[in-house]
Structure formats: C-alpha cells, structure tokens
Amino acid sequence: QVQLVESGGGLVQAGGSLRLSCAVSGISFRFNAMGWYRQAPGKRRELVATIGSSGIVNYADSVKGRFTMSGDNAKNTVYLQMNSLKPEDTAVYYCNRAVWWGKGTLVTVSS
C-alpha cells in the first residue's frame, strides 16, 4: 500500500521557519518524482515545488528564495524547508508523487 505521510506543520510567526517532511512507503523512493503543493482556505490547490527527471527543482514564484526542497534516499523522505514565512503561506501542505497524495499538514503563519 502506497503511503505519503506529511509532518512538521504548525503555528509560526511571520518571519519564522518550519521544515516539513514527507515519508514515502509502499513504492520505490524517487526524489526526482516528488512534489509539494498547498491549498489555502477558499483557494485551489497550487504547486509549491516539484522536481523532475533532470533533478532540477522548480519553485512557485511566490516561494522562490524562501523555500527549499530536498530529499533523503536512505530515509525515503522528502523535505520542504520554509524560511521567512508570510501569513499568505498559511495553507495545508501536501506531498505528491504521480497519482498519490498525502493527507496534508497544516501550516499557519500569524502576522
């Protein structure tokens, strides 16, 4: 059974940092097939960061320079380091690989 389990969300003040984790099980881990998305209240789910077969991470313009996506093949885990957080980063963050999605982890940034 394929599972993607996010963790690391929480409440943080503007300007703070959080690191999200996504543990992958049930499928072979491939960092270059992973992605992070988010959905803010009342909005559509949007891409945050994805990595393609080239190994290059693509970031949404709104998070460039603040967020960093990385992976640990030994731990079957992908990370999203989020720095200089803003209230508009408040959302549920989801881990994705192909057709599989995690249940999400809530990030709330207070002003």
C-alpha atoms as a PDB file:
ATOM      1  CA  GLN A   1       0.000   0.000   0.000  1.00  0.00           C
ATOM      2  CA  VAL A   2       1.415   3.336  -1.041  1.00  0.00           C
ATOM      3  CA  GLN A   3       1.550   5.942   1.702  1.00  0.00           C
ATOM      4  CA  LEU A   4       2.788   9.507   1.772  1.00  0.00           C
ATOM      5  CA  VAL A   5       2.727  10.945   5.277  1.00  0.00           C
ATOM      6  CA  GLU A   6       3.437  14.615   5.886  1.00  0.00           C
ATOM      7  CA  SER A   7       4.552  16.077   9.194  1.00  0.00           C
ATOM      8  CA  GLY A   8       6.122  19.227  10.585  1.00  0.00           C
ATOM      9  CA  GLY A   9       3.313  21.706  10.194  1.00  0.00           C
ATOM     10  CA  GLY A  10       2.254  24.065  12.945  1.00  0.00           C
ATOM     11  CA  LEU A  11       1.769  27.644  14.029  1.00  0.00           C
ATOM     12  CA  VAL A  12       4.617  30.071  13.464  1.00  0.00           C
ATOM     13  CA  GLN A  13       5.010  33.837  13.483  1.00  0.00           C
ATOM     14  CA  ALA A  14       5.720  35.731  10.307  1.00  0.00           C
ATOM     15  CA  GLY A  15       9.423  35.616   9.534  1.00  0.00           C
ATOM     16  CA  GLY A  16       9.829  32.235  11.158  1.00  0.00           C
ATOM     17  CA  SER A  17      10.761  28.864   9.727  1.00  0.00           C
ATOM     18  CA  LEU A  18       9.359  25.353   9.521  1.00  0.00           C
ATOM     19  CA  ARG A  19      10.574  22.151   7.943  1.00  0.00           C
ATOM     20  CA  LEU A  20       8.012  19.789   6.522  1.00  0.00           C
ATOM     21  CA  SER A  21       8.724  16.112   5.981  1.00  0.00           C
ATOM     22  CA  CYS A  22       7.039  13.554   3.768  1.00  0.00           C
ATOM     23  CA  ALA A  23       7.748   9.900   4.437  1.00  0.00           C
ATOM     24  CA  VAL A  24       7.115   7.635   1.462  1.00  0.00           C
ATOM     25  CA  SER A  25       6.370   3.934   1.735  1.00  0.00           C
ATOM     26  CA  GLY A  26       4.961   1.205  -0.467  1.00  0.00           C
ATOM     27  CA  ILE A  27       6.779   2.369  -3.594  1.00  0.00           C
ATOM     28  CA  SER A  28      10.389   2.800  -4.546  1.00  0.00           C
ATOM     29  CA  PHE A  29      11.544   6.233  -3.450  1.00  0.00           C
ATOM     30  CA  ARG A  30      12.476   8.559  -6.264  1.00  0.00           C
ATOM     31  CA  PHE A  31      13.297  12.072  -5.185  1.00  0.00           C
ATOM     32  CA  ASN A  32      13.066  13.273  -8.759  1.00  0.00           C
ATOM     33  CA  ALA A  33       9.402  12.345  -8.937  1.00  0.00           C
ATOM     34  CA  MET A  34       8.166  14.226  -5.881  1.00  0.00           C
ATOM     35  CA  GLY A  35       6.323  17.446  -5.345  1.00  0.00           C
ATOM     36  CA  TRP A  36       4.894  19.750  -2.702  1.00  0.00           C
ATOM     37  CA  TYR A  37       1.568  21.513  -3.131  1.00  0.00           C
ATOM     38  CA  ARG A  38      -0.572  23.650  -0.868  1.00  0.00           C
ATOM     39  CA  GLN A  39      -4.178  24.711  -0.532  1.00  0.00           C
ATOM     40  CA  ALA A  40      -5.177  27.819   1.343  1.00  0.00           C
ATOM     41  CA  PRO A  41      -8.712  28.249   2.714  1.00  0.00           C
ATOM     42  CA  GLY A  42     -11.124  29.003  -0.102  1.00  0.00           C
ATOM     43  CA  LYS A  43      -8.461  28.610  -2.778  1.00  0.00           C
ATOM     44  CA  ARG A  44      -7.430  25.970  -5.256  1.00  0.00           C
ATOM     45  CA  ARG A  45      -4.523  23.645  -4.623  1.00  0.00           C
ATOM     46  CA  GLU A  46      -1.335  25.111  -6.066  1.00  0.00           C
ATOM     47  CA  LEU A  47       2.153  23.916  -6.793  1.00  0.00           C
ATOM     48  CA  VAL A  48       4.869  24.871  -4.329  1.00  0.00           C
ATOM     49  CA  ALA A  49       7.846  22.882  -5.579  1.00  0.00           C
ATOM     50  CA  THR A  50       8.422  19.908  -7.828  1.00  0.00           C
ATOM     51  CA  ILE A  51      11.442  18.087  -9.095  1.00  0.00           C
ATOM     52  CA  GLY A  52      11.619  16.459 -12.478  1.00  0.00           C
ATOM     53  CA  SER A  53      13.767  13.823 -14.083  1.00  0.00           C
ATOM     54  CA  SER A  54      16.504  16.382 -14.665  1.00  0.00           C
ATOM     55  CA  GLY A  55      16.925  16.769 -10.928  1.00  0.00           C
ATOM     56  CA  ILE A  56      16.148  20.461 -11.066  1.00  0.00           C
ATOM     57  CA  VAL A  57      13.651  21.732  -8.534  1.00  0.00           C
ATOM     58  CA  ASN A  58      11.020  24.114  -9.839  1.00  0.00           C
ATOM     59  CA  TYR A  59       9.545  26.543  -7.332  1.00  0.00           C
ATOM     60  CA  ALA A  60       6.459  28.698  -7.435  1.00  0.00           C
ATOM     61  CA  ASP A  61       7.414  32.344  -7.858  1.00  0.00           C
ATOM     62  CA  SER A  62       5.810  33.132  -4.518  1.00  0.00           C
ATOM     63  CA  VAL A  63       8.256  30.895  -2.610  1.00  0.00           C
ATOM     64  CA  LYS A  64      11.480  31.273  -4.611  1.00  0.00           C
ATOM     65  CA  GLY A  65      14.397  32.190  -2.408  1.00  0.00           C
ATOM     66  CA  ARG A  66      12.495  31.242   0.754  1.00  0.00           C
ATOM     67  CA  PHE A  67      11.631  27.547   0.373  1.00  0.00           C
ATOM     68  CA  THR A  68      14.000  24.663  -0.374  1.00  0.00           C
ATOM     69  CA  MET A  69      13.003  21.150  -1.385  1.00  0.00           C
ATOM     70  CA  SER A  70      15.367  18.287  -0.626  1.00  0.00           C
ATOM     71  CA  GLY A  71      15.322  14.540  -0.204  1.00  0.00           C
ATOM     72  CA  ASP A  72      16.980  11.716   1.688  1.00  0.00           C
ATOM     73  CA  ASN A  73      17.016   8.479  -0.282  1.00  0.00           C
ATOM     74  CA  ALA A  74      18.155   6.482   2.741  1.00  0.00           C
ATOM     75  CA  LYS A  75      15.107   7.616   4.705  1.00  0.00           C
ATOM     76  CA  ASN A  76      12.616   7.600   1.802  1.00  0.00           C
ATOM     77  CA  THR A  77      11.756  11.129   2.831  1.00  0.00           C
ATOM     78  CA  VAL A  78      11.373  14.447   1.065  1.00  0.00           C
ATOM     79  CA  TYR A  79      11.605  17.755   2.880  1.00  0.00           C
ATOM     80  CA  LEU A  80      10.430  21.298   2.421  1.00  0.00           C
ATOM     81  CA  GLN A  81      12.423  23.876   4.352  1.00  0.00           C
ATOM     82  CA  MET A  82      10.371  27.040   4.644  1.00  0.00           C
ATOM     83  CA  ASN A  83      12.058  30.253   5.762  1.00  0.00           C
ATOM     84  CA  SER A  84      10.875  33.863   6.044  1.00  0.00           C
ATOM     85  CA  LEU A  85       7.306  32.643   6.292  1.00  0.00           C
ATOM     86  CA  LYS A  86       4.484  35.045   5.498  1.00  0.00           C
ATOM     87  CA  PRO A  87       0.816  34.994   6.502  1.00  0.00           C
ATOM     88  CA  GLU A  88      -0.054  34.215   2.884  1.00  0.00           C
ATOM     89  CA  ASP A  89       1.869  30.942   3.216  1.00  0.00           C
ATOM     90  CA  THR A  90      -0.896  29.692   5.511  1.00  0.00           C
ATOM     91  CA  ALA A  91      -2.284  26.526   3.935  1.00  0.00           C
ATOM     92  CA  VAL A  92      -2.478  22.781   4.114  1.00  0.00           C
ATOM     93  CA  TYR A  93       0.676  21.416   2.514  1.00  0.00           C
ATOM     94  CA  TYR A  94       0.527  18.174   0.566  1.00  0.00           C
ATOM     95  CA  CYS A  95       3.187  15.792  -0.630  1.00  0.00           C
ATOM     96  CA  ASN A  96       2.701  14.263  -4.062  1.00  0.00           C
ATOM     97  CA  ARG A  97       4.074  11.586  -6.306  1.00  0.00           C
ATOM     98  CA  ALA A  98       2.245  10.873  -9.519  1.00  0.00           C
ATOM     99  CA  VAL A  99      -1.298   9.815  -8.541  1.00  0.00           C
ATOM    100  CA  TRP A 100      -0.537   9.524  -4.838  1.00  0.00           C
ATOM    101  CA  TRP A 101      -1.152  12.261  -2.288  1.00  0.00           C
ATOM    102  CA  GLY A 102      -0.618  12.571   1.430  1.00  0.00           C
ATOM    103  CA  LYS A 103      -3.345  13.833   3.747  1.00  0.00           C
ATOM    104  CA  GLY A 104      -1.550  17.101   4.312  1.00  0.00           C
ATOM    105  CA  THR A 105      -0.113  19.066   7.184  1.00  0.00           C
ATOM    106  CA  LEU A 106      -1.430  22.470   8.254  1.00  0.00           C
ATOM    107  CA  VAL A 107       0.879  25.468   8.324  1.00  0.00           C
ATOM    108  CA  THR A 108      -0.440  28.619   9.956  1.00  0.00           C
ATOM    109  CA  VAL A 109       1.600  31.820   9.848  1.00  0.00           C
ATOM    110  CA  SER A 110       0.482  34.587  12.169  1.00  0.00           C
ATOM    111  CA  SER A 111       1.150  38.252  11.474  1.00  0.00           C
END
